[in-house]
């Protein structure tokens, strides 16, 4: 079961998606400020809700899904200077959290308690994903060569995963 740990996240996000879609449609009718405040409110409600289930979920990963769900809408309603401020803020936090992450995990593991070090690690991973998204988004939806490679790998990646699991762990690894 260890290699299927992500299934609970997929199911929870599958459960959340219709509600997030309805919230997004409702917030589209609001002003720019109302839209952003609404997204922040939803974000914090989901964080609080997911902490009740922290034994089943890592709340930061659910937050990553929510950020991914709304990020294009946020980018599309911001003007150039607001986008620039958002990107600088995210990149600055990405640098700080990753420096702290590597320092706490590899140089001085006693700097913070383990719980804080774990949170730093999880949020640094999420900010890494957001920065990677911005880099890809900046490239204007990828070059043609890279798009072909990603389309090919996306088409066959699940089959490769299943074949790998069957080969490494045996035929019953996909079932259990």
N, C-alpha and C. Protein backbone atom coordinates (compact mmCIF):
# COMPACT_ATOMS: atom_id res chain seq x y z
N UNK A 1 0.80 -1.20 0.00
CA UNK A 1 0.00 0.00 0.00
C UNK A 1 0.85 1.26 0.00
N UNK A 2 2.11 1.13 0.35
CA UNK A 2 2.94 2.32 0.50
C UNK A 2 3.07 3.10 -0.81
N UNK A 3 3.12 2.40 -1.93
CA UNK A 3 3.31 3.11 -3.19
C UNK A 3 2.01 3.74 -3.71
N UNK A 4 0.90 3.53 -3.03
CA UNK A 4 -0.37 4.14 -3.43
C UNK A 4 -0.82 5.21 -2.44
N UNK A 5 0.12 5.80 -1.71
CA UNK A 5 -0.23 6.78 -0.68
C UNK A 5 -0.89 8.02 -1.26
N UNK A 6 -0.69 8.30 -2.53
CA UNK A 6 -1.25 9.50 -3.14
C UNK A 6 -2.73 9.36 -3.48
N UNK A 7 -3.29 8.16 -3.40
CA UNK A 7 -4.69 7.93 -3.77
C UNK A 7 -5.64 8.75 -2.90
N UNK A 8 -5.36 8.83 -1.59
CA UNK A 8 -6.24 9.61 -0.71
C UNK A 8 -6.24 11.09 -1.11
N UNK A 9 -5.11 11.59 -1.56
CA UNK A 9 -5.04 12.99 -2.02
C UNK A 9 -5.86 13.18 -3.29
N UNK A 10 -5.75 12.24 -4.19
CA UNK A 10 -6.52 12.33 -5.44
C UNK A 10 -8.01 12.32 -5.15
N UNK A 11 -8.44 11.43 -4.26
CA UNK A 11 -9.86 11.35 -3.93
C UNK A 11 -10.34 12.61 -3.22
N UNK A 12 -9.54 13.13 -2.30
CA UNK A 12 -9.94 14.34 -1.59
C UNK A 12 -10.01 15.53 -2.54
N UNK A 13 -9.04 15.65 -3.42
CA UNK A 13 -9.06 16.75 -4.40
C UNK A 13 -10.20 16.57 -5.39
N UNK A 14 -10.51 15.32 -5.72
CA UNK A 14 -11.66 15.03 -6.59
C UNK A 14 -12.95 15.48 -5.90
N UNK A 15 -13.02 15.27 -4.59
CA UNK A 15 -14.17 15.72 -3.81
C UNK A 15 -14.24 17.25 -3.75
N UNK A 16 -13.10 17.91 -3.63
CA UNK A 16 -13.05 19.37 -3.50
C UNK A 16 -13.32 20.11 -4.81
N UNK A 17 -12.98 19.51 -5.92
CA UNK A 17 -13.00 20.22 -7.21
C UNK A 17 -14.36 20.84 -7.55
N UNK A 18 -15.49 20.14 -7.44
CA UNK A 18 -16.76 20.80 -7.77
C UNK A 18 -17.05 22.02 -6.89
N UNK A 19 -16.70 21.92 -5.61
CA UNK A 19 -16.92 23.05 -4.71
C UNK A 19 -16.01 24.22 -5.06
N UNK A 20 -14.76 23.91 -5.37
CA UNK A 20 -13.83 24.97 -5.78
C UNK A 20 -14.28 25.62 -7.08
N UNK A 21 -14.80 24.82 -8.00
CA UNK A 21 -15.29 25.36 -9.27
C UNK A 21 -16.47 26.30 -9.02
N UNK A 22 -17.42 25.88 -8.17
CA UNK A 22 -18.56 26.75 -7.86
C UNK A 22 -18.11 28.04 -7.18
N UNK A 23 -17.16 27.93 -6.28
CA UNK A 23 -16.63 29.12 -5.61
C UNK A 23 -15.95 30.03 -6.62
N UNK A 24 -15.19 29.44 -7.55
CA UNK A 24 -14.50 30.25 -8.56
C UNK A 24 -15.51 30.97 -9.45
N UNK A 25 -16.56 30.28 -9.85
CA UNK A 25 -17.59 30.91 -10.68
C UNK A 25 -18.30 32.03 -9.93
N UNK A 26 -18.55 31.82 -8.64
CA UNK A 26 -19.18 32.86 -7.83
C UNK A 26 -18.26 34.08 -7.70
N UNK A 27 -16.98 33.82 -7.46
CA UNK A 27 -16.03 34.92 -7.25
C UNK A 27 -15.71 35.68 -8.53
N UNK A 28 -15.92 35.06 -9.70
CA UNK A 28 -15.66 35.76 -10.96
C UNK A 28 -16.55 36.99 -11.12
N UNK A 29 -17.73 36.96 -10.51
CA UNK A 29 -18.64 38.10 -10.58
C UNK A 29 -18.26 39.24 -9.67
N UNK A 30 -17.30 39.03 -8.81
CA UNK A 30 -16.87 40.05 -7.86
C UNK A 30 -15.78 40.92 -8.47
N UNK A 31 -15.42 41.96 -7.75
CA UNK A 31 -14.32 42.81 -8.18
C UNK A 31 -13.00 42.06 -8.01
N UNK A 32 -11.92 42.65 -8.51
CA UNK A 32 -10.61 42.02 -8.39
C UNK A 32 -10.25 41.81 -6.93
N UNK A 33 -10.48 42.82 -6.11
CA UNK A 33 -10.18 42.72 -4.68
C UNK A 33 -11.06 41.66 -4.02
N UNK A 34 -12.33 41.63 -4.36
CA UNK A 34 -13.24 40.63 -3.81
C UNK A 34 -12.86 39.22 -4.22
N UNK A 35 -12.39 39.07 -5.46
CA UNK A 35 -11.96 37.76 -5.96
C UNK A 35 -10.76 37.26 -5.16
N UNK A 36 -9.77 38.11 -4.97
CA UNK A 36 -8.55 37.69 -4.26
C UNK A 36 -8.85 37.44 -2.78
N UNK A 37 -9.66 38.30 -2.15
CA UNK A 37 -10.02 38.07 -0.75
C UNK A 37 -10.81 36.78 -0.61
N UNK A 38 -11.70 36.51 -1.55
CA UNK A 38 -12.46 35.26 -1.52
C UNK A 38 -11.57 34.04 -1.64
N UNK A 39 -10.58 34.09 -2.52
CA UNK A 39 -9.66 32.96 -2.68
C UNK A 39 -8.84 32.77 -1.41
N UNK A 40 -8.37 33.86 -0.82
CA UNK A 40 -7.60 33.75 0.43
C UNK A 40 -8.48 33.16 1.53
N UNK A 41 -9.74 33.58 1.60
CA UNK A 41 -10.66 33.04 2.60
C UNK A 41 -10.87 31.54 2.40
N UNK A 42 -11.13 31.13 1.17
CA UNK A 42 -11.30 29.71 0.87
C UNK A 42 -10.03 28.93 1.21
N UNK A 43 -8.89 29.50 0.87
CA UNK A 43 -7.61 28.86 1.15
C UNK A 43 -7.45 28.59 2.64
N UNK A 44 -7.73 29.58 3.48
CA UNK A 44 -7.58 29.39 4.92
C UNK A 44 -8.63 28.46 5.50
N UNK A 45 -9.83 28.47 4.97
CA UNK A 45 -10.86 27.52 5.43
C UNK A 45 -10.41 26.09 5.13
N UNK A 46 -9.89 25.86 3.94
CA UNK A 46 -9.41 24.52 3.58
C UNK A 46 -8.22 24.13 4.44
N UNK A 47 -7.32 25.06 4.73
CA UNK A 47 -6.17 24.75 5.60
C UNK A 47 -6.67 24.32 6.97
N UNK A 48 -7.59 25.09 7.54
CA UNK A 48 -8.13 24.74 8.87
C UNK A 48 -8.83 23.39 8.81
N UNK A 49 -9.64 23.17 7.78
CA UNK A 49 -10.35 21.90 7.63
C UNK A 49 -9.37 20.73 7.47
N UNK A 50 -8.34 20.92 6.69
CA UNK A 50 -7.41 19.81 6.44
C UNK A 50 -6.53 19.50 7.64
N UNK A 51 -6.36 20.46 8.55
CA UNK A 51 -5.61 20.16 9.77
C UNK A 51 -6.37 19.20 10.69
N UNK A 52 -7.70 19.14 10.55
CA UNK A 52 -8.46 18.14 11.31
C UNK A 52 -8.15 16.73 10.82
N UNK A 53 -7.71 16.62 9.57
CA UNK A 53 -7.40 15.33 8.97
C UNK A 53 -5.91 15.18 8.72
N UNK A 54 -5.09 15.83 9.55
CA UNK A 54 -3.65 15.81 9.31
C UNK A 54 -3.04 14.42 9.49
N UNK A 55 -3.78 13.50 10.09
CA UNK A 55 -3.28 12.14 10.19
C UNK A 55 -3.41 11.40 8.86
N UNK A 56 -4.31 11.88 8.00
CA UNK A 56 -4.52 11.27 6.69
C UNK A 56 -3.87 12.06 5.57
N UNK A 57 -3.74 13.36 5.75
CA UNK A 57 -3.24 14.23 4.69
C UNK A 57 -2.12 15.12 5.20
N UNK A 58 -1.28 15.52 4.30
CA UNK A 58 -0.35 16.61 4.58
C UNK A 58 -1.06 17.86 4.04
N UNK A 59 -1.51 18.74 4.94
CA UNK A 59 -2.33 19.87 4.49
C UNK A 59 -1.66 20.74 3.43
N UNK A 60 -0.36 20.84 3.46
CA UNK A 60 0.34 21.67 2.48
C UNK A 60 0.15 21.14 1.06
N UNK A 61 0.02 19.84 0.90
CA UNK A 61 -0.19 19.28 -0.44
C UNK A 61 -1.59 19.61 -0.95
N UNK A 62 -2.57 19.64 -0.07
CA UNK A 62 -3.91 20.06 -0.47
C UNK A 62 -3.87 21.54 -0.84
N UNK A 63 -3.12 22.33 -0.08
CA UNK A 63 -2.97 23.76 -0.41
C UNK A 63 -2.34 23.94 -1.78
N UNK A 64 -1.40 23.08 -2.12
CA UNK A 64 -0.77 23.15 -3.44
C UNK A 64 -1.81 22.93 -4.54
N UNK A 65 -2.73 22.00 -4.33
CA UNK A 65 -3.79 21.76 -5.31
C UNK A 65 -4.68 22.99 -5.44
N UNK A 66 -5.03 23.59 -4.31
CA UNK A 66 -5.90 24.77 -4.34
C UNK A 66 -5.20 25.94 -5.03
N UNK A 67 -3.93 26.13 -4.73
CA UNK A 67 -3.17 27.19 -5.40
C UNK A 67 -3.14 26.94 -6.90
N UNK A 68 -2.89 25.69 -7.28
CA UNK A 68 -2.88 25.34 -8.70
C UNK A 68 -4.22 25.54 -9.36
N UNK A 69 -5.30 25.31 -8.62
CA UNK A 69 -6.65 25.47 -9.16
C UNK A 69 -6.94 26.94 -9.48
N UNK A 70 -6.46 27.84 -8.65
CA UNK A 70 -6.80 29.26 -8.80
C UNK A 70 -5.70 30.11 -9.45
N UNK A 71 -4.51 29.58 -9.64
CA UNK A 71 -3.38 30.45 -9.99
C UNK A 71 -3.55 31.14 -11.34
N UNK A 72 -4.08 30.46 -12.33
CA UNK A 72 -4.26 31.12 -13.63
C UNK A 72 -5.30 32.23 -13.55
N UNK A 73 -6.35 32.02 -12.76
CA UNK A 73 -7.33 33.09 -12.59
C UNK A 73 -6.72 34.30 -11.90
N UNK A 74 -5.88 34.05 -10.92
CA UNK A 74 -5.23 35.15 -10.21
C UNK A 74 -4.30 35.90 -11.17
N UNK A 75 -3.53 35.16 -11.94
CA UNK A 75 -2.60 35.79 -12.88
C UNK A 75 -3.36 36.61 -13.92
N UNK A 76 -4.49 36.10 -14.39
CA UNK A 76 -5.23 36.79 -15.44
C UNK A 76 -5.89 38.08 -14.97
N UNK A 77 -6.21 38.20 -13.67
CA UNK A 77 -6.88 39.43 -13.23
C UNK A 77 -5.90 40.50 -12.75
N UNK A 78 -4.64 40.13 -12.54
CA UNK A 78 -3.66 41.10 -12.06
C UNK A 78 -3.08 41.90 -13.22
N UNK A 79 -2.75 43.15 -12.94
CA UNK A 79 -2.06 43.94 -13.96
C UNK A 79 -0.56 43.63 -13.88
N UNK A 80 0.21 44.25 -14.76
CA UNK A 80 1.64 43.91 -14.87
C UNK A 80 2.40 44.12 -13.57
N UNK A 81 2.20 45.26 -12.92
CA UNK A 81 2.96 45.54 -11.69
C UNK A 81 2.54 44.61 -10.55
N UNK A 82 1.26 44.26 -10.49
CA UNK A 82 0.81 43.32 -9.45
C UNK A 82 1.37 41.92 -9.69
N UNK A 83 1.43 41.52 -10.95
CA UNK A 83 2.04 40.22 -11.27
C UNK A 83 3.50 40.20 -10.86
N UNK A 84 4.17 41.29 -11.13
CA UNK A 84 5.59 41.39 -10.80
C UNK A 84 5.80 41.30 -9.29
N UNK A 85 4.97 42.00 -8.52
CA UNK A 85 5.06 41.95 -7.05
C UNK A 85 4.78 40.54 -6.55
N UNK A 86 3.77 39.88 -7.12
CA UNK A 86 3.44 38.51 -6.72
C UNK A 86 4.60 37.57 -7.00
N UNK A 87 5.19 37.68 -8.18
CA UNK A 87 6.31 36.81 -8.53
C UNK A 87 7.53 37.06 -7.65
N UNK A 88 7.81 38.32 -7.35
CA UNK A 88 8.94 38.64 -6.47
C UNK A 88 8.68 38.09 -5.07
N UNK A 89 7.47 38.25 -4.58
CA UNK A 89 7.11 37.73 -3.26
C UNK A 89 7.27 36.22 -3.19
N UNK A 90 6.76 35.52 -4.19
CA UNK A 90 6.86 34.06 -4.22
C UNK A 90 8.31 33.63 -4.36
N UNK A 91 9.06 34.27 -5.25
CA UNK A 91 10.46 33.88 -5.44
C UNK A 91 11.29 34.17 -4.19
N UNK A 92 11.05 35.30 -3.53
CA UNK A 92 11.76 35.64 -2.30
C UNK A 92 11.48 34.59 -1.21
N UNK A 93 10.22 34.23 -1.04
CA UNK A 93 9.87 33.20 -0.05
C UNK A 93 10.44 31.84 -0.44
N UNK A 94 10.47 31.56 -1.74
CA UNK A 94 11.07 30.31 -2.23
C UNK A 94 12.54 30.24 -1.84
N UNK A 95 13.27 31.31 -2.04
CA UNK A 95 14.70 31.34 -1.70
C UNK A 95 14.89 31.16 -0.19
N UNK A 96 14.15 31.93 0.60
CA UNK A 96 14.30 31.87 2.06
C UNK A 96 13.96 30.48 2.58
N UNK A 97 12.82 29.93 2.16
CA UNK A 97 12.42 28.61 2.68
C UNK A 97 13.36 27.50 2.22
N UNK A 98 13.86 27.58 1.00
CA UNK A 98 14.77 26.53 0.55
C UNK A 98 16.12 26.62 1.23
N UNK A 99 16.60 27.83 1.48
CA UNK A 99 17.85 27.97 2.24
C UNK A 99 17.65 27.42 3.65
N UNK A 100 16.53 27.78 4.29
CA UNK A 100 16.24 27.23 5.62
C UNK A 100 16.08 25.71 5.58
N UNK A 101 15.42 25.22 4.54
CA UNK A 101 15.21 23.78 4.38
C UNK A 101 16.55 23.04 4.33
N UNK A 102 17.44 23.48 3.48
CA UNK A 102 18.73 22.79 3.37
C UNK A 102 19.59 22.99 4.61
N UNK A 103 19.51 24.16 5.20
CA UNK A 103 20.29 24.40 6.42
C UNK A 103 19.79 23.51 7.56
N UNK A 104 18.47 23.44 7.73
CA UNK A 104 17.90 22.64 8.83
C UNK A 104 18.07 21.15 8.61
N UNK A 105 18.01 20.70 7.39
CA UNK A 105 18.08 19.26 7.13
C UNK A 105 19.49 18.73 6.96
N UNK A 106 20.42 19.56 6.51
CA UNK A 106 21.74 19.04 6.17
C UNK A 106 22.89 19.65 6.96
N UNK A 107 22.70 20.82 7.55
CA UNK A 107 23.81 21.47 8.25
C UNK A 107 23.58 21.48 9.76
N UNK A 108 22.47 22.05 10.18
CA UNK A 108 22.17 22.14 11.61
C UNK A 108 20.75 21.67 11.85
N UNK A 109 20.58 20.39 12.10
CA UNK A 109 19.24 19.83 12.25
C UNK A 109 18.58 20.21 13.58
N UNK A 110 19.31 20.81 14.48
CA UNK A 110 18.75 21.20 15.78
C UNK A 110 18.37 22.68 15.84
N UNK A 111 18.38 23.37 14.73
CA UNK A 111 18.06 24.80 14.71
C UNK A 111 16.61 25.04 15.14
N UNK A 112 15.68 24.27 14.59
CA UNK A 112 14.27 24.36 14.93
C UNK A 112 13.79 23.01 15.42
N UNK A 113 12.65 22.97 16.13
CA UNK A 113 12.05 21.66 16.46
C UNK A 113 11.67 20.92 15.17
N UNK A 114 11.55 19.61 15.27
CA UNK A 114 11.28 18.78 14.08
C UNK A 114 10.00 19.18 13.36
N UNK A 115 8.96 19.57 14.11
CA UNK A 115 7.70 19.96 13.47
C UNK A 115 7.85 21.19 12.59
N UNK A 116 8.61 22.16 13.06
CA UNK A 116 8.83 23.38 12.27
C UNK A 116 9.71 23.07 11.06
N UNK A 117 10.72 22.23 11.26
CA UNK A 117 11.57 21.83 10.14
C UNK A 117 10.76 21.11 9.07
N UNK A 118 9.82 20.26 9.51
CA UNK A 118 8.96 19.55 8.56
C UNK A 118 8.08 20.53 7.78
N UNK A 119 7.51 21.52 8.45
CA UNK A 119 6.68 22.52 7.76
C UNK A 119 7.51 23.33 6.77
N UNK A 120 8.72 23.69 7.17
CA UNK A 120 9.61 24.42 6.25
C UNK A 120 9.88 23.58 5.01
N UNK A 121 10.13 22.29 5.22
CA UNK A 121 10.40 21.38 4.09
C UNK A 121 9.19 21.29 3.17
N UNK A 122 8.00 21.11 3.74
CA UNK A 122 6.80 20.95 2.92
C UNK A 122 6.46 22.23 2.15
N UNK A 123 6.55 23.39 2.79
CA UNK A 123 6.25 24.63 2.08
C UNK A 123 7.32 24.99 1.07
N UNK A 124 8.57 24.59 1.33
CA UNK A 124 9.61 24.85 0.33
C UNK A 124 9.37 24.02 -0.93
N UNK A 125 8.85 22.80 -0.76
CA UNK A 125 8.51 21.98 -1.92
C UNK A 125 7.38 22.60 -2.72
N UNK A 126 6.38 23.13 -2.03
CA UNK A 126 5.25 23.75 -2.72
C UNK A 126 5.69 25.02 -3.45
N UNK A 127 6.50 25.83 -2.80
CA UNK A 127 6.99 27.03 -3.47
C UNK A 127 7.89 26.69 -4.64
N UNK A 128 8.62 25.58 -4.54
CA UNK A 128 9.41 25.12 -5.68
C UNK A 128 8.50 24.79 -6.85
N UNK A 129 7.37 24.12 -6.57
CA UNK A 129 6.42 23.79 -7.64
C UNK A 129 5.82 25.05 -8.25
N UNK A 130 5.51 26.04 -7.44
CA UNK A 130 4.94 27.29 -7.95
C UNK A 130 5.95 28.04 -8.81
N UNK A 131 7.19 28.10 -8.35
CA UNK A 131 8.24 28.76 -9.14
C UNK A 131 8.47 28.02 -10.45
N UNK A 132 8.44 26.69 -10.41
CA UNK A 132 8.58 25.91 -11.65
C UNK A 132 7.42 26.22 -12.60
N UNK A 133 6.21 26.36 -12.06
CA UNK A 133 5.06 26.73 -12.89
C UNK A 133 5.28 28.09 -13.54
N UNK A 134 5.75 29.06 -12.76
CA UNK A 134 5.98 30.39 -13.33
C UNK A 134 7.04 30.37 -14.41
N UNK A 135 8.06 29.55 -14.24
CA UNK A 135 9.10 29.45 -15.27
C UNK A 135 8.52 28.87 -16.55
N UNK A 136 7.72 27.82 -16.42
CA UNK A 136 7.09 27.21 -17.60
C UNK A 136 6.08 28.18 -18.22
N UNK A 137 5.32 28.85 -17.37
CA UNK A 137 4.32 29.81 -17.86
C UNK A 137 4.99 30.97 -18.59
N UNK A 138 6.14 31.39 -18.09
CA UNK A 138 6.88 32.48 -18.72
C UNK A 138 7.35 32.08 -20.12
N UNK A 139 7.62 30.83 -20.32
CA UNK A 139 8.07 30.35 -21.64
C UNK A 139 6.91 30.28 -22.63
N UNK A 140 5.76 30.82 -22.25
CA UNK A 140 4.58 30.85 -23.12
C UNK A 140 4.17 29.46 -23.59
N UNK A 141 3.82 28.67 -22.67
CA UNK A 141 3.27 27.33 -22.90
C UNK A 141 4.23 26.45 -23.71
N UNK A 142 5.47 26.54 -23.40
CA UNK A 142 6.51 25.63 -23.86
C UNK A 142 6.87 25.77 -25.34
N UNK A 143 8.06 25.38 -25.63
CA UNK A 143 8.48 25.33 -27.03
C UNK A 143 7.89 24.07 -27.67
N UNK A 144 7.92 24.00 -28.98
CA UNK A 144 7.32 22.86 -29.68
C UNK A 144 8.01 21.54 -29.36
N UNK A 145 9.34 21.55 -29.26
CA UNK A 145 10.06 20.31 -28.96
C UNK A 145 9.72 19.80 -27.57
N UNK A 146 9.77 20.68 -26.58
CA UNK A 146 9.48 20.29 -25.21
C UNK A 146 8.03 19.85 -25.07
N UNK A 147 7.13 20.51 -25.78
CA UNK A 147 5.72 20.12 -25.74
C UNK A 147 5.53 18.72 -26.30
N UNK A 148 6.23 18.38 -27.37
CA UNK A 148 6.13 17.02 -27.93
C UNK A 148 6.65 15.98 -26.95
N UNK A 149 7.76 16.29 -26.27
CA UNK A 149 8.31 15.35 -25.28
C UNK A 149 7.34 15.16 -24.13
N UNK A 150 6.77 16.25 -23.62
CA UNK A 150 5.84 16.14 -22.50
C UNK A 150 4.55 15.43 -22.91
N UNK A 151 4.07 15.68 -24.12
CA UNK A 151 2.88 14.96 -24.59
C UNK A 151 3.15 13.47 -24.68
N UNK A 152 4.32 13.10 -25.21
CA UNK A 152 4.68 11.69 -25.32
C UNK A 152 4.80 11.05 -23.95
N UNK A 153 5.51 11.71 -23.03
CA UNK A 153 5.70 11.12 -21.70
C UNK A 153 4.39 11.08 -20.93
N UNK A 154 3.54 12.07 -21.11
CA UNK A 154 2.25 12.06 -20.43
C UNK A 154 1.35 10.94 -20.92
N UNK A 155 1.48 10.62 -22.21
CA UNK A 155 0.65 9.56 -22.79
C UNK A 155 1.03 8.19 -22.24
N UNK A 156 2.31 7.98 -21.96
CA UNK A 156 2.78 6.65 -21.59
C UNK A 156 3.26 6.54 -20.15
N UNK A 157 3.24 7.61 -19.37
CA UNK A 157 3.85 7.56 -18.03
C UNK A 157 3.11 6.60 -17.11
N UNK A 158 1.78 6.54 -17.16
CA UNK A 158 1.06 5.63 -16.27
C UNK A 158 1.35 4.18 -16.65
N UNK A 159 1.43 3.88 -17.94
CA UNK A 159 1.77 2.52 -18.37
C UNK A 159 3.17 2.15 -17.91
N UNK A 160 4.10 3.08 -18.00
CA UNK A 160 5.47 2.82 -17.53
C UNK A 160 5.47 2.59 -16.03
N UNK A 161 4.67 3.38 -15.29
CA UNK A 161 4.58 3.20 -13.84
C UNK A 161 4.04 1.81 -13.51
N UNK A 162 2.97 1.40 -14.17
CA UNK A 162 2.40 0.07 -13.89
C UNK A 162 3.38 -1.04 -14.22
N UNK A 163 4.04 -0.93 -15.37
CA UNK A 163 5.01 -1.96 -15.75
C UNK A 163 6.16 -2.00 -14.75
N UNK A 164 6.60 -0.85 -14.30
CA UNK A 164 7.69 -0.78 -13.32
C UNK A 164 7.26 -1.44 -12.01
N UNK A 165 6.06 -1.14 -11.54
CA UNK A 165 5.61 -1.71 -10.26
C UNK A 165 5.43 -3.22 -10.37
N UNK A 166 4.93 -3.69 -11.50
CA UNK A 166 4.78 -5.14 -11.67
C UNK A 166 6.13 -5.81 -11.69
N UNK A 167 7.10 -5.20 -12.36
CA UNK A 167 8.43 -5.79 -12.45
C UNK A 167 9.14 -5.78 -11.10
N UNK A 168 9.07 -4.67 -10.40
CA UNK A 168 9.83 -4.53 -9.15
C UNK A 168 9.16 -5.25 -7.99
N UNK A 169 7.85 -5.11 -7.84
CA UNK A 169 7.18 -5.63 -6.65
C UNK A 169 6.32 -6.86 -6.91
N UNK A 170 6.19 -7.28 -8.13
CA UNK A 170 5.38 -8.45 -8.42
C UNK A 170 4.01 -8.07 -8.93
N UNK A 171 3.29 -9.07 -9.43
CA UNK A 171 2.01 -8.83 -10.09
C UNK A 171 0.95 -8.28 -9.14
N UNK A 172 1.00 -8.65 -7.86
CA UNK A 172 -0.03 -8.21 -6.93
C UNK A 172 0.20 -6.79 -6.40
N UNK A 173 1.31 -6.17 -6.75
CA UNK A 173 1.61 -4.83 -6.23
C UNK A 173 0.63 -3.79 -6.76
N UNK A 174 0.08 -4.00 -7.93
CA UNK A 174 -0.85 -3.04 -8.50
C UNK A 174 -2.22 -3.18 -7.84
N UNK A 175 -2.55 -4.38 -7.41
CA UNK A 175 -3.85 -4.62 -6.79
C UNK A 175 -3.87 -4.13 -5.35
N UNK A 176 -2.82 -4.40 -4.59
CA UNK A 176 -2.82 -4.07 -3.15
C UNK A 176 -2.19 -2.75 -2.88
